[in-house]
Amino acid sequence: MAHPKRRISKTRRDKRRTHYKAELPTLAKCQTTGTVHLFHRAYFVDGDLYYKGKLVVPAKATA
């Protein structure tokens, strides 16, 4: 019966078995500002920080 001469690591085994492919991130368009951004991430518009369409940090506070 054949058997491997050396043990194959879990990482190597899992890399071989995977079928996952790289996917493009899902983008959302803010209804308030019209900016395209990543889902569930805060984003800057003209120095202001927005999250879920609401102003979180105005431009003055970051400077």
PDB file of N, CA and C in Angstrom:
ATOM      1  N   MET A   1       0.843  -1.186   0.000  1.00  0.00           N
ATOM      2  CA  MET A   1       0.000   0.000   0.000  1.00  0.00           C
ATOM      3  C   MET A   1       0.887   1.247   0.000  1.00  0.00           C
ATOM      4  N   ALA A   2       0.574   2.195  -0.861  1.00  0.00           N
ATOM      5  CA  ALA A   2       1.386   3.398  -0.981  1.00  0.00           C
ATOM      6  C   ALA A   2       1.098   4.361   0.165  1.00  0.00           C
ATOM      7  N   HIS A   3       2.122   5.019   0.605  1.00  0.00           N
ATOM      8  CA  HIS A   3       1.955   6.050   1.630  1.00  0.00           C
ATOM      9  C   HIS A   3       3.030   7.117   1.421  1.00  0.00           C
ATOM     10  N   PRO A   4       2.731   8.356   1.867  1.00  0.00           N
ATOM     11  CA  PRO A   4       3.676   9.453   1.634  1.00  0.00           C
ATOM     12  C   PRO A   4       4.952   9.279   2.461  1.00  0.00           C
ATOM     13  N   LYS A   5       6.064   9.671   1.870  1.00  0.00           N
ATOM     14  CA  LYS A   5       7.337   9.592   2.584  1.00  0.00           C
ATOM     15  C   LYS A   5       7.408  10.663   3.670  1.00  0.00           C
ATOM     16  N   ARG A   6       6.813  11.829   3.402  1.00  0.00           N
ATOM     17  CA  ARG A   6       6.802  12.931   4.371  1.00  0.00           C
ATOM     18  C   ARG A   6       5.366  13.381   4.597  1.00  0.00           C
ATOM     19  N   ARG A   7       5.134  13.859   5.783  1.00  0.00           N
ATOM     20  CA  ARG A   7       3.795  14.356   6.122  1.00  0.00           C
ATOM     21  C   ARG A   7       3.534  15.677   5.399  1.00  0.00           C
ATOM     22  N   ILE A   8       2.350  15.822   4.849  1.00  0.00           N
ATOM     23  CA  ILE A   8       1.971  17.066   4.178  1.00  0.00           C
ATOM     24  C   ILE A   8       1.258  17.946   5.193  1.00  0.00           C
ATOM     25  N   SER A   9       1.701  19.195   5.293  1.00  0.00           N
ATOM     26  CA  SER A   9       1.134  20.107   6.291  1.00  0.00           C
ATOM     27  C   SER A   9      -0.332  20.421   5.986  1.00  0.00           C
ATOM     28  N   LYS A  10      -1.043  20.841   7.002  1.00  0.00           N
ATOM     29  CA  LYS A  10      -2.461  21.194   6.841  1.00  0.00           C
ATOM     30  C   LYS A  10      -2.628  22.347   5.865  1.00  0.00           C
ATOM     31  N   THR A  11      -1.702  23.294   5.915  1.00  0.00           N
ATOM     32  CA  THR A  11      -1.776  24.453   5.028  1.00  0.00           C
ATOM     33  C   THR A  11      -1.648  24.036   3.572  1.00  0.00           C
ATOM     34  N   ARG A  12      -0.653  23.185   3.284  1.00  0.00           N
ATOM     35  CA  ARG A  12      -0.452  22.705   1.914  1.00  0.00           C
ATOM     36  C   ARG A  12      -1.663  21.916   1.425  1.00  0.00           C
ATOM     37  N   ARG A  13      -2.175  21.048   2.284  1.00  0.00           N
ATOM     38  CA  ARG A  13      -3.335  20.233   1.936  1.00  0.00           C
ATOM     39  C   ARG A  13      -4.547  21.114   1.638  1.00  0.00           C
ATOM     40  N   ASP A  14      -4.780  22.110   2.493  1.00  0.00           N
ATOM     41  CA  ASP A  14      -5.942  22.977   2.333  1.00  0.00           C
ATOM     42  C   ASP A  14      -5.819  23.866   1.098  1.00  0.00           C
ATOM     43  N   LYS A  15      -4.596  24.299   0.789  1.00  0.00           N
ATOM     44  CA  LYS A  15      -4.395  25.101  -0.420  1.00  0.00           C
ATOM     45  C   LYS A  15      -4.743  24.297  -1.669  1.00  0.00           C
ATOM     46  N   ARG A  16      -4.401  23.044  -1.657  1.00  0.00           N
ATOM     47  CA  ARG A  16      -4.690  22.184  -2.798  1.00  0.00           C
ATOM     48  C   ARG A  16      -6.191  21.930  -2.929  1.00  0.00           C
ATOM     49  N   ARG A  17      -6.864  21.786  -1.820  1.00  0.00           N
ATOM     50  CA  ARG A  17      -8.279  21.422  -1.831  1.00  0.00           C
ATOM     51  C   ARG A  17      -9.221  22.594  -2.094  1.00  0.00           C
ATOM     52  N   THR A  18      -8.741  23.791  -1.959  1.00  0.00           N
ATOM     53  CA  THR A  18      -9.634  24.942  -2.062  1.00  0.00           C
ATOM     54  C   THR A  18     -10.111  25.179  -3.488  1.00  0.00           C
ATOM     55  N   HIS A  19     -11.308  25.686  -3.618  1.00  0.00           N
ATOM     56  CA  HIS A  19     -11.862  26.051  -4.909  1.00  0.00           C
ATOM     57  C   HIS A  19     -12.351  27.483  -4.902  1.00  0.00           C
ATOM     58  N   TYR A  20     -11.980  28.214  -3.868  1.00  0.00           N
ATOM     59  CA  TYR A  20     -12.416  29.603  -3.763  1.00  0.00           C
ATOM     60  C   TYR A  20     -11.628  30.475  -4.718  1.00  0.00           C
ATOM     61  N   LYS A  21     -12.300  31.442  -5.292  1.00  0.00           N
ATOM     62  CA  LYS A  21     -11.658  32.381  -6.196  1.00  0.00           C
ATOM     63  C   LYS A  21     -11.749  33.777  -5.596  1.00  0.00           C
ATOM     64  N   ALA A  22     -10.852  34.625  -5.994  1.00  0.00           N
ATOM     65  CA  ALA A  22     -10.904  36.016  -5.547  1.00  0.00           C
ATOM     66  C   ALA A  22     -12.151  36.669  -6.138  1.00  0.00           C
ATOM     67  N   GLU A  23     -12.871  37.416  -5.311  1.00  0.00           N
ATOM     68  CA  GLU A  23     -14.095  38.076  -5.757  1.00  0.00           C
ATOM     69  C   GLU A  23     -13.940  39.582  -5.649  1.00  0.00           C
ATOM     70  N   LEU A  24     -14.638  40.274  -6.503  1.00  0.00           N
ATOM     71  CA  LEU A  24     -14.638  41.725  -6.416  1.00  0.00           C
ATOM     72  C   LEU A  24     -15.440  42.157  -5.198  1.00  0.00           C
ATOM     73  N   PRO A  25     -15.008  43.206  -4.507  1.00  0.00           N
ATOM     74  CA  PRO A  25     -15.761  43.667  -3.340  1.00  0.00           C
ATOM     75  C   PRO A  25     -17.104  44.252  -3.762  1.00  0.00           C
ATOM     76  N   THR A  26     -18.104  44.088  -2.920  1.00  0.00           N
ATOM     77  CA  THR A  26     -19.425  44.632  -3.190  1.00  0.00           C
ATOM     78  C   THR A  26     -19.431  46.116  -2.862  1.00  0.00           C
ATOM     79  N   LEU A  27     -19.863  46.929  -3.801  1.00  0.00           N
ATOM     80  CA  LEU A  27     -19.871  48.368  -3.614  1.00  0.00           C
ATOM     81  C   LEU A  27     -21.294  48.863  -3.395  1.00  0.00           C
ATOM     82  N   ALA A  28     -21.409  49.956  -2.648  1.00  0.00           N
ATOM     83  CA  ALA A  28     -22.702  50.571  -2.396  1.00  0.00           C
ATOM     84  C   ALA A  28     -22.629  52.038  -2.788  1.00  0.00           C
ATOM     85  N   LYS A  29     -23.759  52.608  -3.139  1.00  0.00           N
ATOM     86  CA  LYS A  29     -23.818  54.031  -3.457  1.00  0.00           C
ATOM     87  C   LYS A  29     -24.611  54.727  -2.352  1.00  0.00           C
ATOM     88  N   CYS A  30     -23.995  55.732  -1.755  1.00  0.00           N
ATOM     89  CA  CYS A  30     -24.633  56.470  -0.666  1.00  0.00           C
ATOM     90  C   CYS A  30     -25.759  57.335  -1.227  1.00  0.00           C
ATOM     91  N   GLN A  31     -26.930  57.259  -0.629  1.00  0.00           N
ATOM     92  CA  GLN A  31     -28.062  58.058  -1.088  1.00  0.00           C
ATOM     93  C   GLN A  31     -27.917  59.521  -0.677  1.00  0.00           C
ATOM     94  N   THR A  32     -27.178  59.775   0.388  1.00  0.00           N
ATOM     95  CA  THR A  32     -26.986  61.142   0.864  1.00  0.00           C
ATOM     96  C   THR A  32     -25.966  61.900   0.020  1.00  0.00           C
ATOM     97  N   THR A  33     -24.789  61.300  -0.182  1.00  0.00           N
ATOM     98  CA  THR A  33     -23.697  61.988  -0.865  1.00  0.00           C
ATOM     99  C   THR A  33     -23.509  61.546  -2.309  1.00  0.00           C
ATOM    100  N   GLY A  34     -24.017  60.381  -2.676  1.00  0.00           N
ATOM    101  CA  GLY A  34     -23.839  59.869  -4.029  1.00  0.00           C
ATOM    102  C   GLY A  34     -22.485  59.225  -4.265  1.00  0.00           C
ATOM    103  N   THR A  35     -21.730  58.995  -3.193  1.00  0.00           N
ATOM    104  CA  THR A  35     -20.403  58.410  -3.292  1.00  0.00           C
ATOM    105  C   THR A  35     -20.493  56.891  -3.346  1.00  0.00           C
ATOM    106  N   VAL A  36     -19.641  56.274  -4.161  1.00  0.00           N
ATOM    107  CA  VAL A  36     -19.551  54.825  -4.199  1.00  0.00           C
ATOM    108  C   VAL A  36     -18.496  54.400  -3.183  1.00  0.00           C
ATOM    109  N   HIS A  37     -18.846  53.446  -2.321  1.00  0.00           N
ATOM    110  CA  HIS A  37     -17.943  53.018  -1.255  1.00  0.00           C
ATOM    111  C   HIS A  37     -18.174  51.549  -0.944  1.00  0.00           C
ATOM    112  N   LEU A  38     -17.305  50.971  -0.102  1.00  0.00           N
ATOM    113  CA  LEU A  38     -17.460  49.589   0.323  1.00  0.00           C
ATOM    114  C   LEU A  38     -18.564  49.480   1.364  1.00  0.00           C
ATOM    115  N   PHE A  39     -19.301  48.375   1.344  1.00  0.00           N
ATOM    116  CA  PHE A  39     -20.332  48.127   2.344  1.00  0.00           C
ATOM    117  C   PHE A  39     -19.712  48.057   3.735  1.00  0.00           C
ATOM    118  N   HIS A  40     -20.405  48.536   4.722  1.00  0.00           N
ATOM    119  CA  HIS A  40     -20.009  48.453   6.134  1.00  0.00           C
ATOM    120  C   HIS A  40     -18.660  49.111   6.411  1.00  0.00           C
ATOM    121  N   ARG A  41     -18.339  50.164   5.665  1.00  0.00           N
ATOM    122  CA  ARG A  41     -17.096  50.895   5.889  1.00  0.00           C
ATOM    123  C   ARG A  41     -17.398  52.386   5.893  1.00  0.00           C
ATOM    124  N   ALA A  42     -16.703  53.122   6.731  1.00  0.00           N
ATOM    125  CA  ALA A  42     -16.811  54.575   6.727  1.00  0.00           C
ATOM    126  C   ALA A  42     -16.049  55.100   5.513  1.00  0.00           C
ATOM    127  N   TYR A  43     -16.435  56.265   5.007  1.00  0.00           N
ATOM    128  CA  TYR A  43     -15.804  56.813   3.802  1.00  0.00           C
ATOM    129  C   TYR A  43     -15.742  58.331   3.893  1.00  0.00           C
ATOM    130  N   PHE A  44     -14.712  58.902   3.238  1.00  0.00           N
ATOM    131  CA  PHE A  44     -14.493  60.344   3.239  1.00  0.00           C
ATOM    132  C   PHE A  44     -15.139  60.997   2.029  1.00  0.00           C
ATOM    133  N   VAL A  45     -15.776  62.153   2.254  1.00  0.00           N
ATOM    134  CA  VAL A  45     -16.301  62.988   1.184  1.00  0.00           C
ATOM    135  C   VAL A  45     -15.924  64.420   1.529  1.00  0.00           C
ATOM    136  N   ASP A  46     -15.023  65.013   0.741  1.00  0.00           N
ATOM    137  CA  ASP A  46     -14.545  66.385   0.969  1.00  0.00           C
ATOM    138  C   ASP A  46     -14.028  66.590   2.391  1.00  0.00           C
ATOM    139  N   GLY A  47     -13.318  65.602   2.918  1.00  0.00           N
ATOM    140  CA  GLY A  47     -12.723  65.726   4.247  1.00  0.00           C
ATOM    141  C   GLY A  47     -13.643  65.305   5.381  1.00  0.00           C
ATOM    142  N   ASP A  48     -14.937  65.160   5.126  1.00  0.00           N
ATOM    143  CA  ASP A  48     -15.881  64.716   6.149  1.00  0.00           C
ATOM    144  C   ASP A  48     -15.974  63.191   6.128  1.00  0.00           C
ATOM    145  N   LEU A  49     -16.101  62.593   7.296  1.00  0.00           N
ATOM    146  CA  LEU A  49     -16.204  61.143   7.398  1.00  0.00           C
ATOM    147  C   LEU A  49     -17.668  60.758   7.561  1.00  0.00           C
ATOM    148  N   TYR A  50     -18.152  59.887   6.652  1.00  0.00           N
ATOM    149  CA  TYR A  50     -19.542  59.442   6.672  1.00  0.00           C
ATOM    150  C   TYR A  50     -19.612  57.950   6.937  1.00  0.00           C
ATOM    151  N   TYR A  51     -20.717  57.524   7.578  1.00  0.00           N
ATOM    152  CA  TYR A  51     -21.007  56.108   7.752  1.00  0.00           C
ATOM    153  C   TYR A  51     -22.512  55.937   7.741  1.00  0.00           C
ATOM    154  N   LYS A  52     -22.996  55.040   6.905  1.00  0.00           N
ATOM    155  CA  LYS A  52     -24.426  54.793   6.733  1.00  0.00           C
ATOM    156  C   LYS A  52     -25.181  56.061   6.361  1.00  0.00           C
ATOM    157  N   GLY A  53     -24.554  56.921   5.551  1.00  0.00           N
ATOM    158  CA  GLY A  53     -25.201  58.136   5.077  1.00  0.00           C
ATOM    159  C   GLY A  53     -25.250  59.260   6.089  1.00  0.00           C
ATOM    160  N   LYS A  54     -24.658  59.079   7.248  1.00  0.00           N
ATOM    161  CA  LYS A  54     -24.674  60.118   8.284  1.00  0.00           C
ATOM    162  C   LYS A  54     -23.266  60.651   8.509  1.00  0.00           C
ATOM    163  N   LEU A  55     -23.171  61.939   8.780  1.00  0.00           N
ATOM    164  CA  LEU A  55     -21.889  62.564   9.051  1.00  0.00           C
ATOM    165  C   LEU A  55     -21.404  62.119  10.426  1.00  0.00           C
ATOM    166  N   VAL A  56     -20.230  61.521  10.461  1.00  0.00           N
ATOM    167  CA  VAL A  56     -19.676  61.013  11.725  1.00  0.00           C
ATOM    168  C   VAL A  56     -18.666  62.005  12.286  1.00  0.00           C
ATOM    169  N   VAL A  57     -17.715  62.429  11.449  1.00  0.00           N
ATOM    170  CA  VAL A  57     -16.667  63.355  11.882  1.00  0.00           C
ATOM    171  C   VAL A  57     -16.576  64.466  10.841  1.00  0.00           C
ATOM    172  N   PRO A  58     -16.870  65.706  11.230  1.00  0.00           N
ATOM    173  CA  PRO A  58     -16.735  66.822  10.277  1.00  0.00           C
ATOM    174  C   PRO A  58     -15.266  67.090   9.947  1.00  0.00           C
ATOM    175  N   ALA A  59     -15.026  67.832   8.855  1.00  0.00           N
ATOM    176  CA  ALA A  59     -13.661  68.091   8.391  1.00  0.00           C
ATOM    177  C   ALA A  59     -12.827  68.852   9.417  1.00  0.00           C
ATOM    178  N   LYS A  60     -13.426  69.766  10.183  1.00  0.00           N
ATOM    179  CA  LYS A  60     -12.670  70.533  11.178  1.00  0.00           C
ATOM    180  C   LYS A  60     -12.070  69.635  12.252  1.00  0.00           C
ATOM    181  N   ALA A  61     -12.802  68.618  12.673  1.00  0.00           N
ATOM    182  CA  ALA A  61     -12.356  67.767  13.778  1.00  0.00           C
ATOM    183  C   ALA A  61     -11.139  66.931  13.400  1.00  0.00           C
ATOM    184  N   THR A  62     -10.987  66.577  12.118  1.00  0.00           N
ATOM    185  CA  THR A  62      -9.854  65.758  11.706  1.00  0.00           C
ATOM    186  C   THR A  62      -8.576  66.557  11.530  1.00  0.00           C
ATOM    187  N   ALA A  63      -8.683  67.851  11.297  1.00  0.00           N
ATOM    188  CA  ALA A  63      -7.495  68.674  11.039  1.00  0.00           C
ATOM    189  C   ALA A  63      -6.806  69.106  12.313  1.00  0.00           C
TER     190      ALA A  63
END
